[in-house]
Amino acid sequence: MGDDLRAVLAEIQAGTREGRAWRQRAEQRLDQAADSLHHLSQALAEVTTEMKLHLHYGQERVGRLEERISALEDVGAPSAPKTAVAVGGGGVFGWLAGGGWDHLTQLMKRILP
């Protein structure tokens, strides 16, 4: 009977050791999962912030383009200042890009027969 008790006690102790080892592995896995979720939430926050910035800059660009389109629509007859502003440039190059060539050709037609 004493041997039976010792065998049962040994099995209980072995089961307890296995239970402790399993619990330790489970806690390690839970810690790893918590760390992974933390890193994932940080990455998601960074991506969200970056996407909000891209959206903000995109909206600003759309606003500027709408202003330029509106300026081009308002320009009716080409005039140097309005057209240069509408095209987005200033000076000679903006004027030429915005219809200055038309003015030059009309001037050349008047001067040359």
PDB file of N, CA and C in Angstrom:
ATOM      1  N   MET A   1       0.815  -1.179   0.000  1.00  0.00           N
ATOM      2  CA  MET A   1       0.000   0.000   0.000  1.00  0.00           C
ATOM      3  C   MET A   1       0.865   1.251   0.000  1.00  0.00           C
ATOM      4  N   GLY A   2       1.972   1.228   0.694  1.00  0.00           N
ATOM      5  CA  GLY A   2       2.878   2.359   0.722  1.00  0.00           C
ATOM      6  C   GLY A   2       3.451   2.655  -0.650  1.00  0.00           C
ATOM      7  N   ASP A   3       3.708   1.555  -1.412  1.00  0.00           N
ATOM      8  CA  ASP A   3       4.236   1.766  -2.767  1.00  0.00           C
ATOM      9  C   ASP A   3       3.182   2.403  -3.671  1.00  0.00           C
ATOM     10  N   ASP A   4       1.938   2.004  -3.462  1.00  0.00           N
ATOM     11  CA  ASP A   4       0.858   2.586  -4.256  1.00  0.00           C
ATOM     12  C   ASP A   4       0.711   4.084  -3.973  1.00  0.00           C
ATOM     13  N   LEU A   5       0.826   4.446  -2.686  1.00  0.00           N
ATOM     14  CA  LEU A   5       0.729   5.861  -2.319  1.00  0.00           C
ATOM     15  C   LEU A   5       1.878   6.664  -2.923  1.00  0.00           C
ATOM     16  N   ARG A   6       3.066   6.059  -2.895  1.00  0.00           N
ATOM     17  CA  ARG A   6       4.231   6.748  -3.464  1.00  0.00           C
ATOM     18  C   ARG A   6       4.070   6.914  -4.980  1.00  0.00           C
ATOM     19  N   ALA A   7       3.529   5.919  -5.635  1.00  0.00           N
ATOM     20  CA  ALA A   7       3.313   6.000  -7.084  1.00  0.00           C
ATOM     21  C   ALA A   7       2.281   7.082  -7.406  1.00  0.00           C
ATOM     22  N   VAL A   8       1.196   7.126  -6.622  1.00  0.00           N
ATOM     23  CA  VAL A   8       0.175   8.147  -6.832  1.00  0.00           C
ATOM     24  C   VAL A   8       0.752   9.522  -6.556  1.00  0.00           C
ATOM     25  N   LEU A   9       1.530   9.645  -5.466  1.00  0.00           N
ATOM     26  CA  LEU A   9       2.165  10.921  -5.122  1.00  0.00           C
ATOM     27  C   LEU A   9       3.136  11.356  -6.225  1.00  0.00           C
ATOM     28  N   ALA A  10       3.892  10.426  -6.791  1.00  0.00           N
ATOM     29  CA  ALA A  10       4.827  10.738  -7.875  1.00  0.00           C
ATOM     30  C   ALA A  10       4.067  11.215  -9.115  1.00  0.00           C
ATOM     31  N   GLU A  11       2.938  10.573  -9.414  1.00  0.00           N
ATOM     32  CA  GLU A  11       2.131  11.002 -10.561  1.00  0.00           C
ATOM     33  C   GLU A  11       1.557  12.397 -10.334  1.00  0.00           C
ATOM     34  N   ILE A  12       1.122  12.663  -9.112  1.00  0.00           N
ATOM     35  CA  ILE A  12       0.583  13.990  -8.790  1.00  0.00           C
ATOM     36  C   ILE A  12       1.671  15.047  -8.937  1.00  0.00           C
ATOM     37  N   GLN A  13       2.873  14.734  -8.435  1.00  0.00           N
ATOM     38  CA  GLN A  13       3.985  15.685  -8.541  1.00  0.00           C
ATOM     39  C   GLN A  13       4.376  15.910 -10.006  1.00  0.00           C
ATOM     40  N   ALA A  14       4.394  14.837 -10.794  1.00  0.00           N
ATOM     41  CA  ALA A  14       4.723  14.968 -12.219  1.00  0.00           C
ATOM     42  C   ALA A  14       3.655  15.807 -12.923  1.00  0.00           C
ATOM     43  N   GLY A  15       2.390  15.565 -12.613  1.00  0.00           N
ATOM     44  CA  GLY A  15       1.310  16.358 -13.199  1.00  0.00           C
ATOM     45  C   GLY A  15       1.404  17.818 -12.802  1.00  0.00           C
ATOM     46  N   THR A  16       1.783  18.072 -11.547  1.00  0.00           N
ATOM     47  CA  THR A  16       1.948  19.448 -11.074  1.00  0.00           C
ATOM     48  C   THR A  16       3.081  20.139 -11.835  1.00  0.00           C
ATOM     49  N   ARG A  17       4.196  19.416 -12.033  1.00  0.00           N
ATOM     50  CA  ARG A  17       5.324  19.994 -12.788  1.00  0.00           C
ATOM     51  C   ARG A  17       4.912  20.293 -14.230  1.00  0.00           C
ATOM     52  N   GLU A  18       4.199  19.364 -14.845  1.00  0.00           N
ATOM     53  CA  GLU A  18       3.726  19.582 -16.218  1.00  0.00           C
ATOM     54  C   GLU A  18       2.764  20.764 -16.277  1.00  0.00           C
ATOM     55  N   GLY A  19       1.891  20.872 -15.287  1.00  0.00           N
ATOM     56  CA  GLY A  19       0.947  21.993 -15.233  1.00  0.00           C
ATOM     57  C   GLY A  19       1.660  23.325 -15.094  1.00  0.00           C
ATOM     58  N   ARG A  20       2.691  23.360 -14.237  1.00  0.00           N
ATOM     59  CA  ARG A  20       3.474  24.597 -14.067  1.00  0.00           C
ATOM     60  C   ARG A  20       4.199  24.958 -15.365  1.00  0.00           C
ATOM     61  N   ALA A  21       4.784  23.944 -16.012  1.00  0.00           N
ATOM     62  CA  ALA A  21       5.498  24.197 -17.272  1.00  0.00           C
ATOM     63  C   ALA A  21       4.523  24.700 -18.340  1.00  0.00           C
ATOM     64  N   TRP A  22       3.344  24.068 -18.416  1.00  0.00           N
ATOM     65  CA  TRP A  22       2.342  24.501 -19.388  1.00  0.00           C
ATOM     66  C   TRP A  22       1.901  25.926 -19.098  1.00  0.00           C
ATOM     67  N   ARG A  23       1.676  26.237 -17.807  1.00  0.00           N
ATOM     68  CA  ARG A  23       1.248  27.587 -17.416  1.00  0.00           C
ATOM     69  C   ARG A  23       2.318  28.618 -17.782  1.00  0.00           C
ATOM     70  N   GLN A  24       3.588  28.270 -17.545  1.00  0.00           N
ATOM     71  CA  GLN A  24       4.681  29.191 -17.878  1.00  0.00           C
ATOM     72  C   GLN A  24       4.731  29.446 -19.393  1.00  0.00           C
ATOM     73  N   ARG A  25       4.587  28.371 -20.184  1.00  0.00           N
ATOM     74  CA  ARG A  25       4.577  28.541 -21.651  1.00  0.00           C
ATOM     75  C   ARG A  25       3.376  29.376 -22.090  1.00  0.00           C
ATOM     76  N   ALA A  26       2.225  29.141 -21.484  1.00  0.00           N
ATOM     77  CA  ALA A  26       1.021  29.901 -21.832  1.00  0.00           C
ATOM     78  C   ALA A  26       1.202  31.379 -21.494  1.00  0.00           C
ATOM     79  N   GLU A  27       1.797  31.679 -20.338  1.00  0.00           N
ATOM     80  CA  GLU A  27       2.042  33.077 -19.963  1.00  0.00           C
ATOM     81  C   GLU A  27       3.022  33.739 -20.925  1.00  0.00           C
ATOM     82  N   GLN A  28       4.055  32.995 -21.341  1.00  0.00           N
ATOM     83  CA  GLN A  28       5.008  33.540 -22.308  1.00  0.00           C
ATOM     84  C   GLN A  28       4.313  33.847 -23.637  1.00  0.00           C
ATOM     85  N   ARG A  29       3.466  32.927 -24.071  1.00  0.00           N
ATOM     86  CA  ARG A  29       2.751  33.146 -25.333  1.00  0.00           C
ATOM     87  C   ARG A  29       1.796  34.325 -25.222  1.00  0.00           C
ATOM     88  N   LEU A  30       1.133  34.458 -24.078  1.00  0.00           N
ATOM     89  CA  LEU A  30       0.243  35.606 -23.879  1.00  0.00           C
ATOM     90  C   LEU A  30       1.030  36.913 -23.888  1.00  0.00           C
ATOM     91  N   ASP A  31       2.206  36.913 -23.256  1.00  0.00           N
ATOM     92  CA  ASP A  31       3.049  38.113 -23.269  1.00  0.00           C
ATOM     93  C   ASP A  31       3.490  38.453 -24.692  1.00  0.00           C
ATOM     94  N   GLN A  32       3.865  37.424 -25.454  1.00  0.00           N
ATOM     95  CA  GLN A  32       4.267  37.654 -26.842  1.00  0.00           C
ATOM     96  C   GLN A  32       3.099  38.198 -27.662  1.00  0.00           C
ATOM     97  N   ALA A  33       1.915  37.642 -27.444  1.00  0.00           N
ATOM     98  CA  ALA A  33       0.733  38.118 -28.165  1.00  0.00           C
ATOM     99  C   ALA A  33       0.423  39.564 -27.794  1.00  0.00           C
ATOM    100  N   ALA A  34       0.567  39.898 -26.500  1.00  0.00           N
ATOM    101  CA  ALA A  34       0.319  41.278 -26.066  1.00  0.00           C
ATOM    102  C   ALA A  34       1.327  42.229 -26.701  1.00  0.00           C
ATOM    103  N   ASP A  35       2.600  41.816 -26.753  1.00  0.00           N
ATOM    104  CA  ASP A  35       3.621  42.653 -27.397  1.00  0.00           C
ATOM    105  C   ASP A  35       3.313  42.835 -28.886  1.00  0.00           C
ATOM    106  N   SER A  36       2.912  41.753 -29.539  1.00  0.00           N
ATOM    107  CA  SER A  36       2.585  41.840 -30.967  1.00  0.00           C
ATOM    108  C   SER A  36       1.408  42.774 -31.203  1.00  0.00           C
ATOM    109  N   LEU A  37       0.389  42.678 -30.363  1.00  0.00           N
ATOM    110  CA  LEU A  37      -0.764  43.574 -30.502  1.00  0.00           C
ATOM    111  C   LEU A  37      -0.375  45.022 -30.244  1.00  0.00           C
ATOM    112  N   HIS A  38       0.531  45.233 -29.299  1.00  0.00           N
ATOM    113  CA  HIS A  38       0.994  46.595 -29.017  1.00  0.00           C
ATOM    114  C   HIS A  38       1.726  47.163 -30.233  1.00  0.00           C
ATOM    115  N   HIS A  39       2.622  46.357 -30.824  1.00  0.00           N
ATOM    116  CA  HIS A  39       3.349  46.817 -32.015  1.00  0.00           C
ATOM    117  C   HIS A  39       2.386  47.061 -33.175  1.00  0.00           C
ATOM    118  N   LEU A  40       1.396  46.201 -33.303  1.00  0.00           N
ATOM    119  CA  LEU A  40       0.411  46.369 -34.366  1.00  0.00           C
ATOM    120  C   LEU A  40      -0.383  47.657 -34.181  1.00  0.00           C
ATOM    121  N   SER A  41      -0.770  47.949 -32.947  1.00  0.00           N
ATOM    122  CA  SER A  41      -1.532  49.180 -32.706  1.00  0.00           C
ATOM    123  C   SER A  41      -0.674  50.413 -32.967  1.00  0.00           C
ATOM    124  N   GLN A  42       0.626  50.343 -32.633  1.00  0.00           N
ATOM    125  CA  GLN A  42       1.519  51.468 -32.936  1.00  0.00           C
ATOM    126  C   GLN A  42       1.647  51.664 -34.441  1.00  0.00           C
ATOM    127  N   ALA A  43       1.831  50.565 -35.163  1.00  0.00           N
ATOM    128  CA  ALA A  43       1.960  50.662 -36.622  1.00  0.00           C
ATOM    129  C   ALA A  43       0.676  51.206 -37.239  1.00  0.00           C
ATOM    130  N   LEU A  44      -0.460  50.766 -36.746  1.00  0.00           N
ATOM    131  CA  LEU A  44      -1.739  51.253 -37.254  1.00  0.00           C
ATOM    132  C   LEU A  44      -1.909  52.745 -36.979  1.00  0.00           C
ATOM    133  N   ALA A  45      -1.474  53.187 -35.804  1.00  0.00           N
ATOM    134  CA  ALA A  45      -1.559  54.616 -35.477  1.00  0.00           C
ATOM    135  C   ALA A  45      -0.663  55.432 -36.410  1.00  0.00           C
ATOM    136  N   GLU A  46       0.538  54.922 -36.701  1.00  0.00           N
ATOM    137  CA  GLU A  46       1.447  55.630 -37.607  1.00  0.00           C
ATOM    138  C   GLU A  46       0.858  55.714 -39.012  1.00  0.00           C
ATOM    139  N   VAL A  47       0.308  54.610 -39.493  1.00  0.00           N
ATOM    140  CA  VAL A  47      -0.284  54.599 -40.833  1.00  0.00           C
ATOM    141  C   VAL A  47      -1.482  55.543 -40.892  1.00  0.00           C
ATOM    142  N   THR A  48      -2.285  55.551 -39.829  1.00  0.00           N
ATOM    143  CA  THR A  48      -3.448  56.440 -39.787  1.00  0.00           C
ATOM    144  C   THR A  48      -3.012  57.897 -39.844  1.00  0.00           C
ATOM    145  N   THR A  49      -1.983  58.245 -39.072  1.00  0.00           N
ATOM    146  CA  THR A  49      -1.476  59.618 -39.074  1.00  0.00           C
ATOM    147  C   THR A  49      -0.946  59.993 -40.454  1.00  0.00           C
ATOM    148  N   GLU A  50      -0.197  59.079 -41.059  1.00  0.00           N
ATOM    149  CA  GLU A  50       0.360  59.352 -42.386  1.00  0.00           C
ATOM    150  C   GLU A  50      -0.747  59.528 -43.426  1.00  0.00           C
ATOM    151  N   MET A  51      -1.772  58.701 -43.362  1.00  0.00           N
ATOM    152  CA  MET A  51      -2.873  58.815 -44.315  1.00  0.00           C
ATOM    153  C   MET A  51      -3.641  60.121 -44.111  1.00  0.00           C
ATOM    154  N   LYS A  52      -3.792  60.554 -42.865  1.00  0.00           N
ATOM    155  CA  LYS A  52      -4.461  61.832 -42.610  1.00  0.00           C
ATOM    156  C   LYS A  52      -3.659  62.982 -43.206  1.00  0.00           C
ATOM    157  N   LEU A  53      -2.317  62.910 -43.087  1.00  0.00           N
ATOM    158  CA  LEU A  53      -1.470  63.949 -43.688  1.00  0.00           C
ATOM    159  C   LEU A  53      -1.609  63.954 -45.205  1.00  0.00           C
ATOM    160  N   HIS A  54      -1.573  62.760 -45.812  1.00  0.00           N
ATOM    161  CA  HIS A  54      -1.726  62.681 -47.262  1.00  0.00           C
ATOM    162  C   HIS A  54      -3.078  63.236 -47.696  1.00  0.00           C
ATOM    163  N   LEU A  55      -4.116  62.924 -46.949  1.00  0.00           N
ATOM    164  CA  LEU A  55      -5.446  63.443 -47.266  1.00  0.00           C
ATOM    165  C   LEU A  55      -5.468  64.962 -47.163  1.00  0.00           C
ATOM    166  N   HIS A  56      -4.849  65.493 -46.109  1.00  0.00           N
ATOM    167  CA  HIS A  56      -4.811  66.951 -45.915  1.00  0.00           C
ATOM    168  C   HIS A  56      -4.085  67.631 -47.074  1.00  0.00           C
ATOM    169  N   TYR A  57      -2.893  67.110 -47.422  1.00  0.00           N
ATOM    170  CA  TYR A  57      -2.140  67.713 -48.521  1.00  0.00           C
ATOM    171  C   TYR A  57      -2.879  67.548 -49.847  1.00  0.00           C
ATOM    172  N   GLY A  58      -3.541  66.415 -50.039  1.00  0.00           N
ATOM    173  CA  GLY A  58      -4.324  66.213 -51.255  1.00  0.00           C
ATOM    174  C   GLY A  58      -5.460  67.212 -51.363  1.00  0.00           C
ATOM    175  N   GLN A  59      -6.126  67.477 -50.238  1.00  0.00           N
ATOM    176  CA  GLN A  59      -7.211  68.456 -50.248  1.00  0.00           C
ATOM    177  C   GLN A  59      -6.681  69.855 -50.541  1.00  0.00           C
ATOM    178  N   GLU A  60      -5.500  70.174 -50.010  1.00  0.00           N
ATOM    179  CA  GLU A  60      -4.902  71.479 -50.320  1.00  0.00           C
ATOM    180  C   GLU A  60      -4.602  71.589 -51.811  1.00  0.00           C
ATOM    181  N   ARG A  61      -4.053  70.518 -52.389  1.00  0.00           N
ATOM    182  CA  ARG A  61      -3.736  70.541 -53.825  1.00  0.00           C
ATOM    183  C   ARG A  61      -5.001  70.695 -54.659  1.00  0.00           C
ATOM    184  N   VAL A  62      -6.040  69.979 -54.282  1.00  0.00           N
ATOM    185  CA  VAL A  62      -7.307  70.093 -55.008  1.00  0.00           C
ATOM    186  C   VAL A  62      -7.832  71.518 -54.918  1.00  0.00           C
ATOM    187  N   GLY A  63      -7.723  72.124 -53.739  1.00  0.00           N
ATOM    188  CA  GLY A  63      -8.166  73.512 -53.574  1.00  0.00           C
ATOM    189  C   GLY A  63      -7.404  74.459 -54.479  1.00  0.00           C
ATOM    190  N   ARG A  64      -6.077  74.280 -54.545  1.00  0.00           N
ATOM    191  CA  ARG A  64      -5.278  75.144 -55.422  1.00  0.00           C
ATOM    192  C   ARG A  64      -5.641  74.924 -56.889  1.00  0.00           C
ATOM    193  N   LEU A  65      -5.842  73.668 -57.276  1.00  0.00           N
ATOM    194  CA  LEU A  65      -6.222  73.395 -58.664  1.00  0.00           C
ATOM    195  C   LEU A  65      -7.586  73.992 -58.990  1.00  0.00           C
ATOM    196  N   GLU A  66      -8.522  73.905 -58.059  1.00  0.00           N
ATOM    197  CA  GLU A  66      -9.837  74.506 -58.295  1.00  0.00           C
ATOM    198  C   GLU A  66      -9.731  76.018 -58.438  1.00  0.00           C
ATOM    199  N   GLU A  67      -8.847  76.642 -57.650  1.00  0.00           N
ATOM    200  CA  GLU A  67      -8.634  78.088 -57.783  1.00  0.00           C
ATOM    201  C   GLU A  67      -8.060  78.424 -59.151  1.00  0.00           C
ATOM    202  N   ARG A  68      -7.109  77.623 -59.613  1.00  0.00           N
ATOM    203  CA  ARG A  68      -6.519  77.874 -60.930  1.00  0.00           C
ATOM    204  C   ARG A  68      -7.545  77.684 -62.040  1.00  0.00           C
ATOM    205  N   ILE A  69      -8.358  76.641 -61.924  1.00  0.00           N
ATOM    206  CA  ILE A  69      -9.399  76.412 -62.931  1.00  0.00           C
ATOM    207  C   ILE A  69     -10.379  77.570 -62.939  1.00  0.00           C
ATOM    208  N   SER A  70     -10.760  78.028 -61.764  1.00  0.00           N
ATOM    209  CA  SER A  70     -11.679  79.163 -61.667  1.00  0.00           C
ATOM    210  C   SER A  70     -11.060  80.406 -62.292  1.00  0.00           C
ATOM    211  N   ALA A  71      -9.768  80.618 -62.032  1.00  0.00           N
ATOM    212  CA  ALA A  71      -9.096  81.784 -62.615  1.00  0.00           C
ATOM    213  C   ALA A  71      -9.042  81.670 -64.133  1.00  0.00           C
ATOM    214  N   LEU A  72      -8.808  80.470 -64.638  1.00  0.00           N
ATOM    215  CA  LEU A  72      -8.786  80.283 -66.091  1.00  0.00           C
ATOM    216  C   LEU A  72     -10.164  80.514 -66.697  1.00  0.00           C
ATOM    217  N   GLU A  73     -11.204  80.090 -66.005  1.00  0.00           N
ATOM    218  CA  GLU A  73     -12.560  80.296 -66.516  1.00  0.00           C
ATOM    219  C   GLU A  73     -12.945  81.766 -66.483  1.00  0.00           C
ATOM    220  N   ASP A  74     -12.428  82.503 -65.477  1.00  0.00           N
ATOM    221  CA  ASP A  74     -12.746  83.923 -65.346  1.00  0.00           C
ATOM    222  C   ASP A  74     -12.007  84.773 -66.359  1.00  0.00           C
ATOM    223  N   VAL A  75     -10.977  84.238 -66.940  1.00  0.00           N
ATOM    224  CA  VAL A  75     -10.115  85.023 -67.819  1.00  0.00           C
ATOM    225  C   VAL A  75     -10.818  85.358 -69.120  1.00  0.00           C
ATOM    226  N   GLY A  76     -11.797  85.066 -69.624  1.00  0.00           N
ATOM    227  CA  GLY A  76     -12.407  85.463 -70.883  1.00  0.00           C
ATOM    228  C   GLY A  76     -11.414  85.805 -71.964  1.00  0.00           C
ATOM    229  N   ALA A  77     -11.092  87.095 -72.144  1.00  0.00           N
ATOM    230  CA  ALA A  77     -10.094  87.531 -73.130  1.00  0.00           C
ATOM    231  C   ALA A  77      -8.725  87.504 -72.458  1.00  0.00           C
ATOM    232  N   PRO A  78      -7.727  87.068 -73.202  1.00  0.00           N
ATOM    233  CA  PRO A  78      -6.408  86.968 -72.568  1.00  0.00           C
ATOM    234  C   PRO A  78      -5.841  88.334 -72.224  1.00  0.00           C
ATOM    235  N   SER A  79      -5.520  88.490 -70.971  1.00  0.00           N
ATOM    236  CA  SER A  79      -4.811  89.685 -70.530  1.00  0.00           C
ATOM    237  C   SER A  79      -3.598  89.205 -69.758  1.00  0.00           C
ATOM    238  N   ALA A  80      -2.522  89.904 -69.873  1.00  0.00           N
ATOM    239  CA  ALA A  80      -1.253  89.441 -69.312  1.00  0.00           C
ATOM    240  C   ALA A  80      -1.323  89.140 -67.817  1.00  0.00           C
ATOM    241  N   PRO A  81      -1.786  90.041 -66.969  1.00  0.00           N
ATOM    242  CA  PRO A  81      -1.744  89.742 -65.535  1.00  0.00           C
ATOM    243  C   PRO A  81      -2.662  88.598 -65.135  1.00  0.00           C
ATOM    244  N   LYS A  82      -3.911  88.614 -65.642  1.00  0.00           N
ATOM    245  CA  LYS A  82      -4.851  87.558 -65.261  1.00  0.00           C
ATOM    246  C   LYS A  82      -4.371  86.196 -65.735  1.00  0.00           C
ATOM    247  N   THR A  83      -3.917  86.133 -66.966  1.00  0.00           N
ATOM    248  CA  THR A  83      -3.506  84.855 -67.524  1.00  0.00           C
ATOM    249  C   THR A  83      -2.271  84.322 -66.829  1.00  0.00           C
ATOM    250  N   ALA A  84      -1.327  85.180 -66.534  1.00  0.00           N
ATOM    251  CA  ALA A  84      -0.115  84.731 -65.840  1.00  0.00           C
ATOM    252  C   ALA A  84      -0.457  84.170 -64.471  1.00  0.00           C
ATOM    253  N   VAL A  85      -1.367  84.829 -63.765  1.00  0.00           N
ATOM    254  CA  VAL A  85      -1.778  84.332 -62.451  1.00  0.00           C
ATOM    255  C   VAL A  85      -2.526  83.020 -62.598  1.00  0.00           C
ATOM    256  N   ALA A  86      -3.390  82.915 -63.600  1.00  0.00           N
ATOM    257  CA  ALA A  86      -4.173  81.699 -63.796  1.00  0.00           C
ATOM    258  C   ALA A  86      -3.282  80.511 -64.105  1.00  0.00           C
ATOM    259  N   VAL A  87      -2.261  80.736 -64.911  1.00  0.00           N
ATOM    260  CA  VAL A  87      -1.348  79.660 -65.262  1.00  0.00           C
ATOM    261  C   VAL A  87      -0.468  79.310 -64.079  1.00  0.00           C
ATOM    262  N   GLY A  88      -0.298  80.223 -63.174  1.00  0.00           N
ATOM    263  CA  GLY A  88       0.493  79.931 -61.991  1.00  0.00           C
ATOM    264  C   GLY A  88       1.896  80.473 -62.061  1.00  0.00           C
ATOM    265  N   GLY A  89       2.163  81.294 -63.022  1.00  0.00           N
ATOM    266  CA  GLY A  89       3.496  81.847 -63.130  1.00  0.00           C
ATOM    267  C   GLY A  89       3.441  83.348 -63.199  1.00  0.00           C
ATOM    268  N   GLY A  90       4.568  83.935 -63.033  1.00  0.00           N
ATOM    269  CA  GLY A  90       4.648  85.376 -63.136  1.00  0.00           C
ATOM    270  C   GLY A  90       5.766  85.734 -64.093  1.00  0.00           C
ATOM    271  N   GLY A  91       5.880  86.965 -64.386  1.00  0.00           N
ATOM    272  CA  GLY A  91       6.958  87.413 -65.254  1.00  0.00           C
ATOM    273  C   GLY A  91       6.706  87.041 -66.699  1.00  0.00           C
ATOM    274  N   VAL A  92       7.771  87.078 -67.467  1.00  0.00           N
ATOM    275  CA  VAL A  92       7.678  86.854 -68.908  1.00  0.00           C
ATOM    276  C   VAL A  92       7.201  85.441 -69.222  1.00  0.00           C
ATOM    277  N   PHE A  93       7.761  84.449 -68.524  1.00  0.00           N
ATOM    278  CA  PHE A  93       7.401  83.067 -68.848  1.00  0.00           C
ATOM    279  C   PHE A  93       5.944  82.770 -68.513  1.00  0.00           C
ATOM    280  N   GLY A  94       5.473  83.292 -67.413  1.00  0.00           N
ATOM    281  CA  GLY A  94       4.061  83.117 -67.074  1.00  0.00           C
ATOM    282  C   GLY A  94       3.159  83.801 -68.080  1.00  0.00           C
ATOM    283  N   TRP A  95       3.568  84.982 -68.503  1.00  0.00           N
ATOM    284  CA  TRP A  95       2.788  85.721 -69.488  1.00  0.00           C
ATOM    285  C   TRP A  95       2.752  84.977 -70.825  1.00  0.00           C
ATOM    286  N   LEU A  96       3.925  84.465 -71.254  1.00  0.00           N
ATOM    287  CA  LEU A  96       3.973  83.717 -72.510  1.00  0.00           C
ATOM    288  C   LEU A  96       3.134  82.446 -72.422  1.00  0.00           C
ATOM    289  N   ALA A  97       3.241  81.740 -71.300  1.00  0.00           N
ATOM    290  CA  ALA A  97       2.481  80.499 -71.139  1.00  0.00           C
ATOM    291  C   ALA A  97       0.993  80.771 -71.051  1.00  0.00           C
ATOM    292  N   GLY A  98       0.629  81.948 -70.571  1.00  0.00           N
ATOM    293  CA  GLY A  98      -0.782  82.255 -70.390  1.00  0.00           C
ATOM    294  C   GLY A  98      -1.424  82.985 -71.548  1.00  0.00           C
ATOM    295  N   GLY A  99      -0.822  83.020 -72.679  1.00  0.00           N
ATOM    296  CA  GLY A  99      -1.458  83.663 -73.831  1.00  0.00           C
ATOM    297  C   GLY A  99      -0.664  84.823 -74.386  1.00  0.00           C
ATOM    298  N   GLY A 100       0.515  85.030 -73.897  1.00  0.00           N
ATOM    299  CA  GLY A 100       1.361  86.108 -74.390  1.00  0.00           C
ATOM    300  C   GLY A 100       1.735  85.934 -75.847  1.00  0.00           C
ATOM    301  N   TRP A 101       1.816  84.679 -76.278  1.00  0.00           N
ATOM    302  CA  TRP A 101       2.127  84.433 -77.686  1.00  0.00           C
ATOM    303  C   TRP A 101       1.040  85.023 -78.577  1.00  0.00           C
ATOM    304  N   ASP A 102      -0.191  84.952 -78.127  1.00  0.00           N
ATOM    305  CA  ASP A 102      -1.284  85.538 -78.915  1.00  0.00           C
ATOM    306  C   ASP A 102      -1.086  87.042 -79.079  1.00  0.00           C
ATOM    307  N   HIS A 103      -0.707  87.682 -77.991  1.00  0.00           N
ATOM    308  CA  HIS A 103      -0.455  89.124 -78.058  1.00  0.00           C
ATOM    309  C   HIS A 103       0.702  89.430 -79.007  1.00  0.00           C
ATOM    310  N   LEU A 104       1.752  88.623 -78.922  1.00  0.00           N
ATOM    311  CA  LEU A 104       2.909  88.847 -79.799  1.00  0.00           C
ATOM    312  C   LEU A 104       2.537  88.646 -81.267  1.00  0.00           C
ATOM    313  N   THR A 105       1.768  87.623 -81.577  1.00  0.00           N
ATOM    314  CA  THR A 105       1.399  87.395 -82.983  1.00  0.00           C
ATOM    315  C   THR A 105       0.506  88.511 -83.506  1.00  0.00           C
ATOM    316  N   GLN A 106      -0.403  89.009 -82.667  1.00  0.00           N
ATOM    317  CA  GLN A 106      -1.249  90.128 -83.095  1.00  0.00           C
ATOM    318  C   GLN A 106      -0.399  91.372 -83.337  1.00  0.00           C
ATOM    319  N   LEU A 107       0.569  91.602 -82.472  1.00  0.00           N
ATOM    320  CA  LEU A 107       1.463  92.745 -82.640  1.00  0.00           C
ATOM    321  C   LEU A 107       2.280  92.601 -83.923  1.00  0.00           C
ATOM    322  N   MET A 108       2.783  91.387 -84.174  1.00  0.00           N
ATOM    323  CA  MET A 108       3.583  91.163 -85.378  1.00  0.00           C
ATOM    324  C   MET A 108       2.732  91.342 -86.636  1.00  0.00           C
ATOM    325  N   LYS A 109       1.466  90.945 -86.593  1.00  0.00           N
ATOM    326  CA  LYS A 109       0.580  91.127 -87.748  1.00  0.00           C
ATOM    327  C   LYS A 109       0.339  92.601 -88.019  1.00  0.00           C
ATOM    328  N   ARG A 110       0.271  93.400 -86.970  1.00  0.00           N
ATOM    329  CA  ARG A 110       0.068  94.840 -87.155  1.00  0.00           C
ATOM    330  C   ARG A 110       1.325  95.507 -87.716  1.00  0.00           C
ATOM    331  N   ILE A 111       2.470  95.049 -87.233  1.00  0.00           N
ATOM    332  CA  ILE A 111       3.725  95.683 -87.655  1.00  0.00           C
ATOM    333  C   ILE A 111       4.120  95.233 -89.055  1.00  0.00           C
ATOM    334  N   LEU A 112       4.093  93.933 -89.286  1.00  0.00           N
ATOM    335  CA  LEU A 112       4.518  93.388 -90.579  1.00  0.00           C
ATOM    336  C   LEU A 112       3.312  93.231 -91.502  1.00  0.00           C
ATOM    337  N   PRO A 113       3.506  93.554 -92.780  1.00  0.00           N
ATOM    338  CA  PRO A 113       2.371  93.441 -93.718  1.00  0.00           C
ATOM    339  C   PRO A 113       2.004  92.017 -94.037  1.00  0.00           C
TER     340      PRO A 113
END
